[in-house]
Amino acid sequence: MYDNHPKMRNLYVGVDCHKHTHTAAIINCFNEKLDILTFKNTQEDFNKLMDMVNSHATNGLTPIYGLEDTKHLGYKLATFLLNKNCEVKNVLSTLTYNERKKNPIISKDDEIDALCIAKVLLDNLDTLTTAQNDEIYWTLKQVVKMKRAITKDSVIAKNKLHAQLLHHYPNYKEFFSYFDCQTALELWEQYPSPDLLIKLSLEELQKFIWKASKGKVYQEQIQRIYNLVRIEDYEEVSYQEERNILITTLVRQIKTNKERITEIEKNIVSLYDKLDFKLHTVKGLSKTASAEILSEIGNINRFPTSDKLARYAGIAPINFSSGNSNKNIRNEFGNRQLNFYIHCLAVRSISPGKTRTSPQNAIFIEYYHRKISQGKNKQQSLTCVMRRLVNIIYKMLKNNTEFIMPPELTEKCKNIYLEKMKQEKDKEPQK
């Protein structure tokens, strides 16, 4: 009855990937172990793997490879296999973990892991996603990850600079609107302590700040900085010279990080332009932000529907039912970085504007308030906006189209929103 079952036509190769070596296990459709091989993460040893697999691929059997990691430790092997036109499947580590737990005595080594991956590959062949050779998406994700790492390092340096300036200049926040703007950084680097800055005359301070800001700082602000330095009663501190080095070092680190982020953002935009998508036409998305979303999604063809993309982003709810109880719970899994990007876009999309009369996106803000009026709380309503954005992003990437706001619908939604705001204002008690 099962002589011609599709799974009988394949060999199943599970590969446990590591930094320097990988371990591969081959099984047949009856879950019989055929061979084990530990090999180096080099092209020469990749050929040894293929030779071993081909020696078992008799009678027209087709090898299928399963890798837990096709984008990091297993990236080189996955790329090699895909270039050889081999079929490669992504195996979820959670499935491998559950397979390992089925044993009465749980043990773990590379051979056991490889066999578990092969078993998962056999059991879930029809549902596992197929790995794709998407070099540009992989490269984009690496560049975006580098930007995030530098941004995180810059935030840490800024927090440290906050702490140091608090000891040196207790009123430093009154000097500039942003303590880390270019002019402020030049001032902290050149005059890390007030005993250096207080020696300057008003004309010398004005000359320095105008040069640092390229003439963008007004005379009133320079006068205020000059007065602020003299109002505060600064005490002499021991080892002031050594403490100054802390501030100058932090300032240089922040300035270097800014330059690196600017350079990386150029590379991100360049890669995004090569993909030729129109995601940046969505109001509230720049090319850099669009590229960051795209770096987490990857090739949109991985997702057959927008529902799959929403589930991958951790936005679609999870069904949690038993017997007569049937409910949906919040999805706290999925790609959290993609979830964060879409959450930020949703927050921007429902922004009412500075005067609360010029919404960023009238359609979304009307939709958001409509969901609240239907009984949902703010978080649930925002999730609805995120879900709607996923649908738009999916269609735009799938069809490579631009985002065009319908003028009539936009005007209609804006009027509904403004009328609602007016009614709420009228309900407020008069002072």
Foldseek 3Di string as FASTA:
>chain_A
DCPPPPQQQAKFWFWEFDQFKIKIWIDGLVLDTDDIDIFTLDPVRLVVVVVVVVVPNPPNRAYEYEYQDCQPRVVSSNLVCVVVVHWYFHDHVVQLVVQQVVDPDRDDDRVSSNSSRRVCCSVCVPPTFTDDDQVLLSVLLVLVVVLVVLVVVLVVLVVVLVVLCCQAQVPQCLLDVDCLPQLNLQCCLVDVHLVVVLPDDLVRQVVSSCVRVVNPDDSVSSVVVNVSSVVDDDDDDPPVVVSSVSNNVSSVSNVVSVVVSVVSLVVLLVSLVVLLFAVQLPQPRHSSLVSQLCSVCPQLVSDPALVRVCVQCQLDWDWDADDPRTDTDRRPDHDPSNVVSLLVSLVQQLACDPVNLRGSFLLLVLQLVVVVVVPDDNVVSSSVSSSVVSNVVSVRSVVRDHDDDDVVSRVVSSVVSVVVVVVVVVPDDDD
